[in-house]
Amino acid sequence: MRILGVDPGTAITGYGIVDQIGSTPTIVDYGIISTNAGKSAPERLADIYRRFNELVDKYAPNVIVMEHLFFSKNQKTAIAVGKACGVVQLAAAQRGLEIVEYTPTEVKLAVVGYGAAEKRQVQYMVQRILGLDGLPSPDDAADALALCICHAHSAKMRSLCRKQPCTK
């Protein structure tokens, strides 16, 4: 299974591509989609849409993984991130790709084993799990890779629950 993790933002959208073969996730690529601050919001969203589609064309993922968004403080940031998230979800839906969302706590639990882990702890474990030479950078790309690892760890359970409902 090829997983494309996305950490959406209007200025910077992080991405990570991980292959899950057997029980070990393997890194394929990671980076960012950055947009020009001098462009209008619709132009920036169009750039994200175009570049995201290029990633999908190049890497042919089986699933798109994103963070479940929720904000309680900065409404302006929430709206901008929501727009970028919508663009990514539209592109994925147009291609019939499954979209899975995880909360930040779920990602931290899957990667670090502690739901209140700090960003540096998550980056360290992403480095260790994927065998990277250094901490993944920038933060947006590291977050996208953490989403991939979270999905790789939970995909088997999700598959089993689809086949037979998980009840007591």
C-alpha atoms as a PDB file:
ATOM      1  CA  MET A   1       0.000   0.000   0.000  1.00  0.00           C
ATOM      2  CA  ARG A   2       1.295   3.458  -0.888  1.00  0.00           C
ATOM      3  CA  ILE A   3       0.270   6.198   1.555  1.00  0.00           C
ATOM      4  CA  LEU A   4       0.332   9.921   0.776  1.00  0.00           C
ATOM      5  CA  GLY A   5       0.224  11.969   3.965  1.00  0.00           C
ATOM      6  CA  VAL A   6      -0.731  15.635   3.669  1.00  0.00           C
ATOM      7  CA  ASP A   7      -0.390  18.484   6.175  1.00  0.00           C
ATOM      8  CA  PRO A   8      -2.359  21.230   4.382  1.00  0.00           C
ATOM      9  CA  GLY A   9      -1.743  24.946   4.605  1.00  0.00           C
ATOM     10  CA  THR A  10      -2.136  27.883   2.248  1.00  0.00           C
ATOM     11  CA  ALA A  11       1.502  28.990   2.471  1.00  0.00           C
ATOM     12  CA  ILE A  12       3.059  25.534   2.946  1.00  0.00           C
ATOM     13  CA  THR A  13       1.510  22.115   2.441  1.00  0.00           C
ATOM     14  CA  GLY A  14       3.660  19.276   3.690  1.00  0.00           C
ATOM     15  CA  TYR A  15       3.589  15.860   2.056  1.00  0.00           C
ATOM     16  CA  GLY A  16       5.083  12.464   2.717  1.00  0.00           C
ATOM     17  CA  ILE A  17       4.913   9.251   0.708  1.00  0.00           C
ATOM     18  CA  VAL A  18       5.426   5.948   2.489  1.00  0.00           C
ATOM     19  CA  ASP A  19       5.082   2.371   1.253  1.00  0.00           C
ATOM     20  CA  GLN A  20       3.674  -0.180   3.677  1.00  0.00           C
ATOM     21  CA  ILE A  21       4.837  -3.653   2.701  1.00  0.00           C
ATOM     22  CA  GLY A  22       4.474  -6.176   5.476  1.00  0.00           C
ATOM     23  CA  SER A  23       4.926  -4.578   8.873  1.00  0.00           C
ATOM     24  CA  THR A  24       7.622  -2.035   8.001  1.00  0.00           C
ATOM     25  CA  PRO A  25       6.816   1.406   6.569  1.00  0.00           C
ATOM     26  CA  THR A  26       9.385   2.556   4.003  1.00  0.00           C
ATOM     27  CA  ILE A  27       9.928   6.150   2.963  1.00  0.00           C
ATOM     28  CA  VAL A  28       9.529   7.018  -0.714  1.00  0.00           C
ATOM     29  CA  ASP A  29       9.674  10.828  -0.674  1.00  0.00           C
ATOM     30  CA  TYR A  30       8.715  13.880   1.341  1.00  0.00           C
ATOM     31  CA  GLY A  31       8.727  17.645   0.999  1.00  0.00           C
ATOM     32  CA  ILE A  32       6.531  20.696   0.761  1.00  0.00           C
ATOM     33  CA  ILE A  33       4.331  22.519  -1.670  1.00  0.00           C
ATOM     34  CA  SER A  34       4.963  26.216  -1.057  1.00  0.00           C
ATOM     35  CA  THR A  35       2.939  29.007  -2.586  1.00  0.00           C
ATOM     36  CA  ASN A  36       3.879  32.562  -3.460  1.00  0.00           C
ATOM     37  CA  ALA A  37       2.689  35.030  -0.797  1.00  0.00           C
ATOM     38  CA  GLY A  38       2.289  37.673  -3.520  1.00  0.00           C
ATOM     39  CA  LYS A  39      -0.490  35.711  -5.205  1.00  0.00           C
ATOM     40  CA  SER A  40      -4.167  35.909  -4.350  1.00  0.00           C
ATOM     41  CA  ALA A  41      -5.749  33.222  -2.169  1.00  0.00           C
ATOM     42  CA  PRO A  42      -7.540  31.595  -5.144  1.00  0.00           C
ATOM     43  CA  GLU A  43      -4.268  31.500  -7.122  1.00  0.00           C
ATOM     44  CA  ARG A  44      -2.464  29.902  -4.173  1.00  0.00           C
ATOM     45  CA  LEU A  45      -5.203  27.275  -3.831  1.00  0.00           C
ATOM     46  CA  ALA A  46      -4.975  26.584  -7.572  1.00  0.00           C
ATOM     47  CA  ASP A  47      -1.212  26.060  -7.178  1.00  0.00           C
ATOM     48  CA  ILE A  48      -1.796  23.583  -4.316  1.00  0.00           C
ATOM     49  CA  TYR A  49      -4.405  21.760  -6.399  1.00  0.00           C
ATOM     50  CA  ARG A  50      -2.108  21.523  -9.449  1.00  0.00           C
ATOM     51  CA  ARG A  51       0.980  20.437  -7.502  1.00  0.00           C
ATOM     52  CA  PHE A  52      -0.981  17.927  -5.403  1.00  0.00           C
ATOM     53  CA  ASN A  53      -2.282  16.350  -8.611  1.00  0.00           C
ATOM     54  CA  GLU A  54       1.304  16.159  -9.900  1.00  0.00           C
ATOM     55  CA  LEU A  55       2.268  14.246  -6.731  1.00  0.00           C
ATOM     56  CA  VAL A  56      -0.634  11.838  -7.216  1.00  0.00           C
ATOM     57  CA  ASP A  57       0.331  11.323 -10.868  1.00  0.00           C
ATOM     58  CA  LYS A  58       3.969  10.698  -9.968  1.00  0.00           C
ATOM     59  CA  TYR A  59       3.504   8.413  -6.944  1.00  0.00           C
ATOM     60  CA  ALA A  60       0.081   6.760  -7.498  1.00  0.00           C
ATOM     61  CA  PRO A  61      -0.931   6.476  -3.814  1.00  0.00           C
ATOM     62  CA  ASN A  62      -3.640   4.086  -2.653  1.00  0.00           C
ATOM     63  CA  VAL A  63      -4.816   6.350   0.150  1.00  0.00           C
ATOM     64  CA  ILE A  64      -4.574  10.007   1.210  1.00  0.00           C
ATOM     65  CA  VAL A  65      -4.087  10.628   4.935  1.00  0.00           C
ATOM     66  CA  MET A  66      -4.757  13.987   6.592  1.00  0.00           C
ATOM     67  CA  GLU A  67      -5.081  15.413  10.062  1.00  0.00           C
ATOM     68  CA  HIS A  68      -8.630  15.844  11.310  1.00  0.00           C
ATOM     69  CA  LEU A  69      -8.849  19.614  11.638  1.00  0.00           C
ATOM     70  CA  PHE A  70     -10.197  21.404  14.657  1.00  0.00           C
ATOM     71  CA  PHE A  71      -9.364  24.877  15.903  1.00  0.00           C
ATOM     72  CA  SER A  72     -10.459  26.790  18.950  1.00  0.00           C
ATOM     73  CA  LYS A  73      -8.339  29.950  18.850  1.00  0.00           C
ATOM     74  CA  ASN A  74      -7.420  31.460  15.496  1.00  0.00           C
ATOM     75  CA  GLN A  75     -10.399  31.529  13.133  1.00  0.00           C
ATOM     76  CA  LYS A  76      -8.432  33.151  10.300  1.00  0.00           C
ATOM     77  CA  THR A  77      -5.865  30.343  10.340  1.00  0.00           C
ATOM     78  CA  ALA A  78      -8.625  27.737  10.592  1.00  0.00           C
ATOM     79  CA  ILE A  79     -10.362  29.083   7.497  1.00  0.00           C
ATOM     80  CA  ALA A  80      -7.133  29.204   5.450  1.00  0.00           C
ATOM     81  CA  VAL A  81      -6.130  25.672   6.461  1.00  0.00           C
ATOM     82  CA  GLY A  82      -9.692  24.486   5.804  1.00  0.00           C
ATOM     83  CA  LYS A  83      -9.549  25.867   2.271  1.00  0.00           C
ATOM     84  CA  ALA A  84      -6.251  24.106   1.548  1.00  0.00           C
ATOM     85  CA  CYS A  85      -7.661  20.916   3.052  1.00  0.00           C
ATOM     86  CA  GLY A  86     -10.718  21.207   0.817  1.00  0.00           C
ATOM     87  CA  VAL A  87      -8.587  21.587  -2.303  1.00  0.00           C
ATOM     88  CA  VAL A  88      -6.614  18.441  -1.448  1.00  0.00           C
ATOM     89  CA  GLN A  89      -9.777  16.499  -0.641  1.00  0.00           C
ATOM     90  CA  LEU A  90     -11.406  17.624  -3.902  1.00  0.00           C
ATOM     91  CA  ALA A  91      -8.417  16.471  -5.942  1.00  0.00           C
ATOM     92  CA  ALA A  92      -8.379  13.111  -4.132  1.00  0.00           C
ATOM     93  CA  ALA A  93     -12.144  12.632  -4.507  1.00  0.00           C
ATOM     94  CA  GLN A  94     -11.978  13.407  -8.234  1.00  0.00           C
ATOM     95  CA  ARG A  95      -9.544  10.514  -8.579  1.00  0.00           C
ATOM     96  CA  GLY A  96     -11.569   8.160  -6.390  1.00  0.00           C
ATOM     97  CA  LEU A  97      -8.858   7.983  -3.727  1.00  0.00           C
ATOM     98  CA  GLU A  98      -9.760   7.058  -0.180  1.00  0.00           C
ATOM     99  CA  ILE A  99      -9.236   9.869   2.326  1.00  0.00           C
ATOM    100  CA  VAL A 100      -8.565   8.970   5.961  1.00  0.00           C
ATOM    101  CA  GLU A 101      -8.267  11.500   8.789  1.00  0.00           C
ATOM    102  CA  TYR A 102      -6.617  11.127  12.189  1.00  0.00           C
ATOM    103  CA  THR A 103      -6.618  13.443  15.174  1.00  0.00           C
ATOM    104  CA  PRO A 104      -3.289  14.841  16.397  1.00  0.00           C
ATOM    105  CA  THR A 105      -3.594  12.642  19.499  1.00  0.00           C
ATOM    106  CA  GLU A 106      -4.067   9.503  17.373  1.00  0.00           C
ATOM    107  CA  VAL A 107      -0.979  10.375  15.321  1.00  0.00           C
ATOM    108  CA  LYS A 108       1.163  10.993  18.409  1.00  0.00           C
ATOM    109  CA  LEU A 109      -0.025   7.745  20.004  1.00  0.00           C
ATOM    110  CA  ALA A 110       0.779   5.756  16.862  1.00  0.00           C
ATOM    111  CA  VAL A 111       4.208   7.305  16.316  1.00  0.00           C
ATOM    112  CA  VAL A 112       5.485   8.027  19.840  1.00  0.00           C
ATOM    113  CA  GLY A 113       3.185   5.992  22.082  1.00  0.00           C
ATOM    114  CA  TYR A 114       2.129   9.102  23.986  1.00  0.00           C
ATOM    115  CA  GLY A 115      -0.825  11.249  22.885  1.00  0.00           C
ATOM    116  CA  ALA A 116       0.597  14.472  24.319  1.00  0.00           C
ATOM    117  CA  ALA A 117       4.054  14.102  22.757  1.00  0.00           C
ATOM    118  CA  GLU A 118       5.900  17.222  21.697  1.00  0.00           C
ATOM    119  CA  LYS A 119       6.668  17.980  18.057  1.00  0.00           C
ATOM    120  CA  ARG A 120      10.385  17.198  18.490  1.00  0.00           C
ATOM    121  CA  GLN A 121       9.549  13.762  19.950  1.00  0.00           C
ATOM    122  CA  VAL A 122       7.340  13.010  16.938  1.00  0.00           C
ATOM    123  CA  GLN A 123      10.090  14.105  14.536  1.00  0.00           C
ATOM    124  CA  TYR A 124      12.629  11.929  16.350  1.00  0.00           C
ATOM    125  CA  MET A 125      10.406   8.841  16.121  1.00  0.00           C
ATOM    126  CA  VAL A 126       9.626   9.531  12.439  1.00  0.00           C
ATOM    127  CA  GLN A 127      13.389   9.635  11.845  1.00  0.00           C
ATOM    128  CA  ARG A 128      13.894   6.349  13.712  1.00  0.00           C
ATOM    129  CA  ILE A 129      10.949   4.479  12.198  1.00  0.00           C
ATOM    130  CA  LEU A 130      11.796   5.495   8.618  1.00  0.00           C
ATOM    131  CA  GLY A 131      15.580   5.233   9.026  1.00  0.00           C
ATOM    132  CA  LEU A 132      16.307   8.831   8.047  1.00  0.00           C
ATOM    133  CA  ASP A 133      19.787  10.293   8.539  1.00  0.00           C
ATOM    134  CA  GLY A 134      18.411  13.364  10.320  1.00  0.00           C
ATOM    135  CA  LEU A 135      15.199  14.804  11.671  1.00  0.00           C
ATOM    136  CA  PRO A 136      12.688  15.304   8.865  1.00  0.00           C
ATOM    137  CA  SER A 137      12.301  18.960   7.982  1.00  0.00           C
ATOM    138  CA  PRO A 138      10.424  21.227   7.638  1.00  0.00           C
ATOM    139  CA  ASP A 139       7.759  20.575  10.291  1.00  0.00           C
ATOM    140  CA  ASP A 140       4.989  20.334   7.685  1.00  0.00           C
ATOM    141  CA  ALA A 141       6.744  17.461   5.894  1.00  0.00           C
ATOM    142  CA  ALA A 142       7.551  15.749   9.210  1.00  0.00           C
ATOM    143  CA  ASP A 143       3.877  15.964  10.198  1.00  0.00           C
ATOM    144  CA  ALA A 144       2.851  14.448   6.860  1.00  0.00           C
ATOM    145  CA  LEU A 145       5.259  11.543   7.392  1.00  0.00           C
ATOM    146  CA  ALA A 146       3.884  11.021  10.911  1.00  0.00           C
ATOM    147  CA  LEU A 147       0.397  10.762   9.393  1.00  0.00           C
ATOM    148  CA  CYS A 148       1.687   8.082   7.003  1.00  0.00           C
ATOM    149  CA  ILE A 149       3.192   6.084   9.863  1.00  0.00           C
ATOM    150  CA  CYS A 150      -0.032   6.394  11.861  1.00  0.00           C
ATOM    151  CA  HIS A 151      -2.028   5.019   8.948  1.00  0.00           C
ATOM    152  CA  ALA A 152       0.483   2.258   8.270  1.00  0.00           C
ATOM    153  CA  HIS A 153       0.147   1.118  11.889  1.00  0.00           C
ATOM    154  CA  SER A 154      -3.651   1.292  11.948  1.00  0.00           C
ATOM    155  CA  ALA A 155      -4.482   0.137   8.405  1.00  0.00           C
ATOM    156  CA  LYS A 156      -4.584  -3.557   9.307  1.00  0.00           C
ATOM    157  CA  MET A 157      -7.016  -2.944  12.171  1.00  0.00           C
ATOM    158  CA  ARG A 158      -9.176  -0.687   9.968  1.00  0.00           C
ATOM    159  CA  SER A 159      -9.286  -3.431   7.337  1.00  0.00           C
ATOM    160  CA  LEU A 160     -10.310  -6.064   9.875  1.00  0.00           C
ATOM    161  CA  CYS A 161     -13.042  -3.805  11.262  1.00  0.00           C
ATOM    162  CA  ARG A 162     -14.453  -3.277   7.766  1.00  0.00           C
ATOM    163  CA  LYS A 163     -14.689  -7.048   7.260  1.00  0.00           C
ATOM    164  CA  GLN A 164     -16.252  -7.718  10.640  1.00  0.00           C
ATOM    165  CA  PRO A 165     -17.645  -4.975  12.872  1.00  0.00           C
ATOM    166  CA  CYS A 166     -15.466  -4.334  15.934  1.00  0.00           C
ATOM    167  CA  THR A 167     -17.839  -4.873  18.855  1.00  0.00           C
ATOM    168  CA  LYS A 168     -17.652  -6.511  22.245  1.00  0.00           C
END
